[in-house]
Amino acid sequence: MGASSASVIHGRTRTALTFTVIALVGALSACATATGNDTASQRELRVFAAASLTDTFTTLANQFEATHPGVNVTLTFDGSSGLATHIIEGSPADVFAAADTTTMRTVTDAGFTQHPPTIFTSNSLTVAVPTDNPAHITTWHDITRTDITLVVCAPQVPCGAATQHLTTSANIALHPASEEQSVTDVLGKITTGEADAGIVYTTDIQRAAGDVTAYPIPDSANVSSNYPIAALTGGQQPELANEFVEYILDDTAQHVLNDAGFTPAP
């Protein structure tokens, strides 16, 4: 009797352990399946954008992710011409937002856009100087002085091309100490005191958050840069890329851009 009772007790114990193991295996399998499904449902959208869009597109990407569960927007910011080169050379990207139409045209002509690009916003130039103003600049026209350290964008990038157009429209000559590959590089040299002045986009003044002083260029001489955006061919998320483009054109995104100092598309 005692042995029999013991046997039953052990039998119940083994049964309980067996059910426990089965339950644990089932739970782990369910977790593994759920994890696998979550991983499978994750979608990465790669967006290449001009350096001057860094703050606004970071905000907009976060908003887009919030309304698209399972989507992760990976942002790459740089000078537009450099990004265009990377796209043409095969770097994986789903969306391209450039700081001028000329750069975007190189990508379109190479057959890398799904549809014709759309202008989604515009920007203009301004003169920025360090807050301590070591060169005692008093007007935007002082950038023509030969006794200051002036920094501009290189001619092959959009902000540099716009600067060249400015010299023509305003009939002025500039004597830059250096030509940078992106507007953020220009701004960096101003905020660190390496330059007395620089030509940047109007939106960069807001981005600098009080680290620079702006000397506006009059509308009669200023140059506007139109920013195009396009979904790219060969990306991993063609449909999602078009959704992102539509989102950028929507009123919600346009308000974010306008608040940052961009102007509505023409």
Protein backbone atom coordinates (compact mmCIF):
# COMPACT_ATOMS: atom_id res chain seq x y z
CA MET A 1 0.00 0.00 0.00
CA GLY A 2 2.77 2.32 0.96
CA ALA A 3 4.67 1.43 -2.14
CA SER A 4 1.62 1.81 -4.25
CA SER A 5 0.82 5.19 -2.72
CA ALA A 6 4.38 6.28 -3.29
CA SER A 7 4.16 5.13 -6.85
CA VAL A 8 1.02 7.19 -7.40
CA ILE A 9 2.59 10.23 -5.80
CA HIS A 10 5.63 9.89 -8.03
CA GLY A 11 3.39 9.32 -11.00
CA ARG A 12 1.50 12.53 -10.27
CA THR A 13 4.72 14.36 -9.79
CA ARG A 14 6.05 13.17 -13.13
CA THR A 15 2.75 14.02 -14.81
CA ALA A 16 2.77 17.48 -13.29
CA LEU A 17 6.35 18.01 -14.44
CA THR A 18 5.46 16.74 -17.90
CA PHE A 19 2.57 19.18 -18.18
CA THR A 20 4.81 21.96 -16.86
CA VAL A 21 7.49 21.23 -19.43
CA ILE A 22 4.90 21.04 -22.22
CA ALA A 23 3.40 24.31 -21.04
CA LEU A 24 6.83 25.98 -20.96
CA VAL A 25 7.74 24.67 -24.40
CA GLY A 26 4.42 25.89 -25.73
CA ALA A 27 4.91 29.29 -24.16
CA LEU A 28 8.44 29.57 -25.51
CA SER A 29 7.27 28.50 -28.96
CA ALA A 30 4.53 31.10 -28.83
CA CYS A 31 7.05 33.75 -27.78
CA ALA A 32 9.42 32.70 -30.53
CA THR A 33 6.60 32.82 -33.05
CA ALA A 34 5.48 36.23 -31.81
CA THR A 35 9.06 37.52 -31.89
CA GLY A 36 9.48 36.13 -35.38
CA ASN A 37 6.26 37.78 -36.48
CA ASP A 38 7.29 41.08 -34.88
CA THR A 39 10.63 40.93 -36.66
CA ALA A 40 8.95 40.05 -39.92
CA SER A 41 6.50 42.92 -39.53
CA GLN A 42 9.27 45.47 -38.94
CA ARG A 43 9.91 47.55 -42.04
CA GLU A 44 12.90 49.85 -42.51
CA LEU A 45 12.43 52.94 -44.65
CA ARG A 46 15.71 54.54 -45.71
CA VAL A 47 15.47 58.28 -46.31
CA PHE A 48 18.34 60.35 -47.74
CA ALA A 49 17.85 64.08 -47.05
CA ALA A 50 19.76 67.34 -47.44
CA ALA A 51 21.69 68.45 -44.36
CA SER A 52 19.50 71.53 -43.97
CA LEU A 53 16.53 69.21 -43.32
CA THR A 54 18.14 67.50 -40.32
CA ASP A 55 15.89 68.89 -37.58
CA THR A 56 12.63 68.94 -39.50
CA PHE A 57 12.97 65.48 -41.03
CA THR A 58 13.95 64.00 -37.69
CA THR A 59 10.70 65.36 -36.26
CA LEU A 60 8.69 64.24 -39.27
CA ALA A 61 10.23 60.77 -39.26
CA ASN A 62 9.21 60.33 -35.62
CA GLN A 63 5.67 61.41 -36.46
CA PHE A 64 5.54 59.06 -39.44
CA GLU A 65 6.68 56.13 -37.30
CA ALA A 66 4.01 56.97 -34.72
CA THR A 67 1.29 56.61 -37.34
CA HIS A 68 2.88 53.57 -39.01
CA PRO A 69 3.45 50.86 -36.37
CA GLY A 70 6.30 48.53 -37.23
CA VAL A 71 8.05 51.09 -39.44
CA ASN A 72 11.55 52.30 -38.65
CA VAL A 73 12.70 55.36 -40.61
CA THR A 74 16.48 55.45 -41.04
CA LEU A 75 17.65 58.95 -41.90
CA THR A 76 20.89 59.87 -43.66
CA PHE A 77 21.75 63.58 -43.84
CA ASP A 78 24.53 65.10 -45.93
CA GLY A 79 25.15 67.50 -48.77
CA SER A 80 22.64 66.78 -51.53
CA SER A 81 25.20 66.19 -54.24
CA GLY A 82 27.02 63.62 -52.11
CA LEU A 83 23.77 61.80 -51.38
CA ALA A 84 22.88 61.81 -55.07
CA THR A 85 26.23 60.22 -55.88
CA HIS A 86 25.65 57.50 -53.30
CA ILE A 87 22.20 56.74 -54.74
CA ILE A 88 23.50 56.50 -58.29
CA GLU A 89 26.36 54.29 -57.13
CA GLY A 90 23.90 51.87 -55.56
CA SER A 91 23.56 52.80 -51.90
CA PRO A 92 20.22 51.45 -50.61
CA ALA A 93 17.66 54.24 -50.26
CA ASP A 94 13.89 54.53 -50.59
CA VAL A 95 13.36 58.31 -50.55
CA PHE A 96 15.51 61.27 -51.55
CA ALA A 97 14.88 64.87 -50.49
CA ALA A 98 17.33 67.30 -52.07
CA ALA A 99 18.03 70.97 -51.50
CA ASP A 100 17.74 71.90 -55.16
CA THR A 101 16.24 70.67 -58.40
CA THR A 102 19.56 70.40 -60.24
CA THR A 103 20.87 67.73 -57.88
CA MET A 104 17.60 65.82 -57.98
CA ARG A 105 17.71 65.91 -61.78
CA THR A 106 20.93 63.88 -61.78
CA VAL A 107 19.12 61.12 -59.88
CA THR A 108 16.03 61.33 -62.08
CA ASP A 109 18.04 61.31 -65.31
CA ALA A 110 19.86 58.20 -64.10
CA GLY A 111 16.49 56.47 -63.73
CA PHE A 112 16.37 56.22 -59.95
CA THR A 113 13.04 57.91 -59.21
CA GLN A 114 9.69 56.12 -59.30
CA HIS A 115 7.81 59.25 -60.35
CA PRO A 116 8.71 62.84 -61.24
CA PRO A 117 9.97 64.63 -58.11
CA THR A 118 7.68 67.07 -56.30
CA ILE A 119 8.75 70.41 -54.81
CA PHE A 120 7.71 70.32 -51.16
CA THR A 121 9.29 73.47 -49.68
CA SER A 122 11.68 76.35 -50.33
CA ASN A 123 14.53 78.07 -48.51
CA SER A 124 16.50 81.28 -48.89
CA LEU A 125 19.97 82.49 -47.99
CA THR A 126 21.13 84.68 -45.14
CA VAL A 127 24.42 85.83 -43.65
CA ALA A 128 25.38 84.38 -40.28
CA VAL A 129 28.08 85.66 -37.94
CA PRO A 130 29.20 84.53 -34.46
CA THR A 131 27.29 86.20 -31.66
CA ASP A 132 30.40 88.08 -30.51
CA ASN A 133 30.83 89.40 -34.07
CA PRO A 134 34.66 89.66 -34.04
CA ALA A 135 34.80 91.24 -37.50
CA HIS A 136 32.27 93.95 -36.55
CA ILE A 137 29.95 93.13 -39.40
CA THR A 138 27.02 95.54 -39.58
CA THR A 139 25.24 94.56 -42.79
CA TRP A 140 24.92 91.53 -45.05
CA HIS A 141 26.96 93.36 -47.70
CA ASP A 142 30.03 93.21 -45.44
CA ILE A 143 30.60 89.66 -46.73
CA THR A 144 32.35 91.33 -49.69
CA ARG A 145 35.09 92.66 -47.41
CA THR A 146 38.54 91.21 -47.97
CA ASP A 147 39.60 91.50 -44.32
CA ILE A 148 37.15 88.89 -42.97
CA THR A 149 37.22 85.10 -42.86
CA LEU A 150 34.24 84.11 -44.97
CA VAL A 151 32.99 80.54 -45.31
CA VAL A 152 30.56 79.37 -48.00
CA CYS A 153 29.35 76.12 -49.51
CA ALA A 154 31.25 74.61 -52.42
CA PRO A 155 29.75 75.37 -55.85
CA GLN A 156 28.80 71.74 -56.54
CA VAL A 157 26.41 71.53 -53.57
CA PRO A 158 23.01 73.31 -53.55
CA CYS A 159 23.86 75.97 -50.97
CA GLY A 160 27.01 76.76 -52.95
CA ALA A 161 25.14 76.96 -56.23
CA ALA A 162 22.65 79.31 -54.57
CA THR A 163 25.54 81.43 -53.28
CA GLN A 164 26.91 81.73 -56.81
CA HIS A 165 23.49 82.85 -58.02
CA LEU A 166 23.50 85.42 -55.21
CA THR A 167 26.79 86.92 -56.38
CA THR A 168 25.26 87.34 -59.83
CA SER A 169 21.90 88.73 -58.74
CA ALA A 170 23.47 91.11 -56.22
CA ASN A 171 26.45 91.91 -58.46
CA ILE A 172 28.99 91.26 -55.70
CA ALA A 173 32.35 89.50 -55.43
CA LEU A 174 33.16 87.17 -52.55
CA HIS A 175 36.54 86.08 -51.19
CA PRO A 176 35.85 82.89 -49.19
CA ALA A 177 38.54 81.36 -47.03
CA SER A 178 36.99 77.92 -47.48
CA GLU A 179 34.23 76.15 -49.38
CA GLU A 180 32.40 73.42 -47.47
CA GLN A 181 30.54 70.34 -48.65
CA SER A 182 27.37 71.05 -46.67
CA VAL A 183 25.64 73.98 -45.05
CA THR A 184 26.01 72.36 -41.63
CA ASP A 185 29.79 72.50 -42.10
CA VAL A 186 29.54 76.21 -42.85
CA LEU A 187 27.41 76.77 -39.77
CA GLY A 188 29.81 74.72 -37.67
CA LYS A 189 32.75 76.96 -38.57
CA ILE A 190 30.73 80.03 -37.62
CA THR A 191 29.53 78.71 -34.27
CA THR A 192 33.03 77.56 -33.30
CA GLY A 193 34.54 80.93 -34.19
CA GLU A 194 36.65 79.62 -37.08
CA ALA A 195 34.95 82.08 -39.42
CA ASP A 196 33.84 85.69 -39.15
CA ALA A 197 30.84 85.12 -41.38
CA GLY A 198 29.17 82.57 -43.59
CA ILE A 199 26.32 82.21 -46.03
CA VAL A 200 23.73 79.70 -44.84
CA TYR A 201 20.05 79.00 -45.27
CA THR A 202 17.53 81.05 -43.34
CA THR A 203 16.39 77.90 -41.54
CA ASP A 204 19.90 77.34 -40.19
CA ILE A 205 19.59 80.46 -38.06
CA GLN A 206 16.77 78.81 -36.10
CA ARG A 207 18.76 75.58 -35.87
CA ALA A 208 21.71 77.45 -34.35
CA ALA A 209 19.48 78.46 -31.42
CA GLY A 210 21.14 81.77 -30.57
CA ASP A 211 24.71 80.75 -31.39
CA VAL A 212 24.80 83.06 -34.41
CA THR A 213 23.43 86.42 -35.47
CA ALA A 214 21.69 86.79 -38.81
CA TYR A 215 22.03 89.62 -41.28
CA PRO A 216 19.17 89.11 -43.76
CA ILE A 217 19.76 89.46 -47.47
CA PRO A 218 17.10 91.67 -49.12
CA ASP A 219 14.55 89.93 -51.31
CA SER A 220 15.71 91.93 -54.32
CA ALA A 221 19.10 90.18 -54.17
CA ASN A 222 18.26 86.92 -52.42
CA VAL A 223 17.94 83.50 -54.01
CA SER A 224 15.32 80.87 -53.22
CA SER A 225 16.12 77.17 -53.36
CA ASN A 226 13.30 74.75 -54.14
CA TYR A 227 13.47 71.37 -52.39
CA PRO A 228 12.24 68.33 -54.36
CA ILE A 229 11.39 64.90 -52.94
CA ALA A 230 10.92 61.57 -54.69
CA ALA A 231 10.42 57.88 -53.98
CA LEU A 232 13.30 55.90 -55.45
CA THR A 233 13.41 52.81 -57.61
CA GLY A 234 15.24 49.77 -56.36
CA GLY A 235 14.43 50.47 -52.70
CA GLN A 236 13.16 47.80 -50.35
CA GLN A 237 9.94 49.67 -49.51
CA PRO A 238 8.52 51.20 -52.72
CA GLU A 239 4.93 51.56 -51.45
CA LEU A 240 6.00 52.87 -48.07
CA ALA A 241 8.33 55.33 -49.81
CA ASN A 242 5.38 56.81 -51.68
CA GLU A 243 3.42 57.03 -48.43
CA PHE A 244 6.29 58.97 -46.86
CA VAL A 245 6.42 61.37 -49.80
CA GLU A 246 2.67 61.95 -49.52
CA TYR A 247 3.10 62.56 -45.81
CA ILE A 248 5.74 65.24 -46.43
CA LEU A 249 3.33 66.98 -48.82
CA ASP A 250 0.49 66.83 -46.28
CA ASP A 251 -0.55 69.85 -44.18
CA THR A 252 0.81 68.37 -40.94
CA ALA A 253 4.34 68.10 -42.31
CA GLN A 254 4.08 71.45 -44.06
CA HIS A 255 3.32 73.15 -40.73
CA VAL A 256 6.47 71.63 -39.24
CA LEU A 257 8.53 72.90 -42.17
CA ASN A 258 7.00 76.38 -42.02
CA ASP A 259 7.60 76.61 -38.27
CA ALA A 260 11.27 75.84 -38.93
CA GLY A 261 11.55 78.82 -41.29
CA PHE A 262 11.01 77.12 -44.63
CA THR A 263 8.62 78.76 -47.06
CA PRO A 264 5.78 77.05 -48.94
CA ALA A 265 6.57 75.45 -52.27
CA PRO A 266 5.92 77.75 -55.24
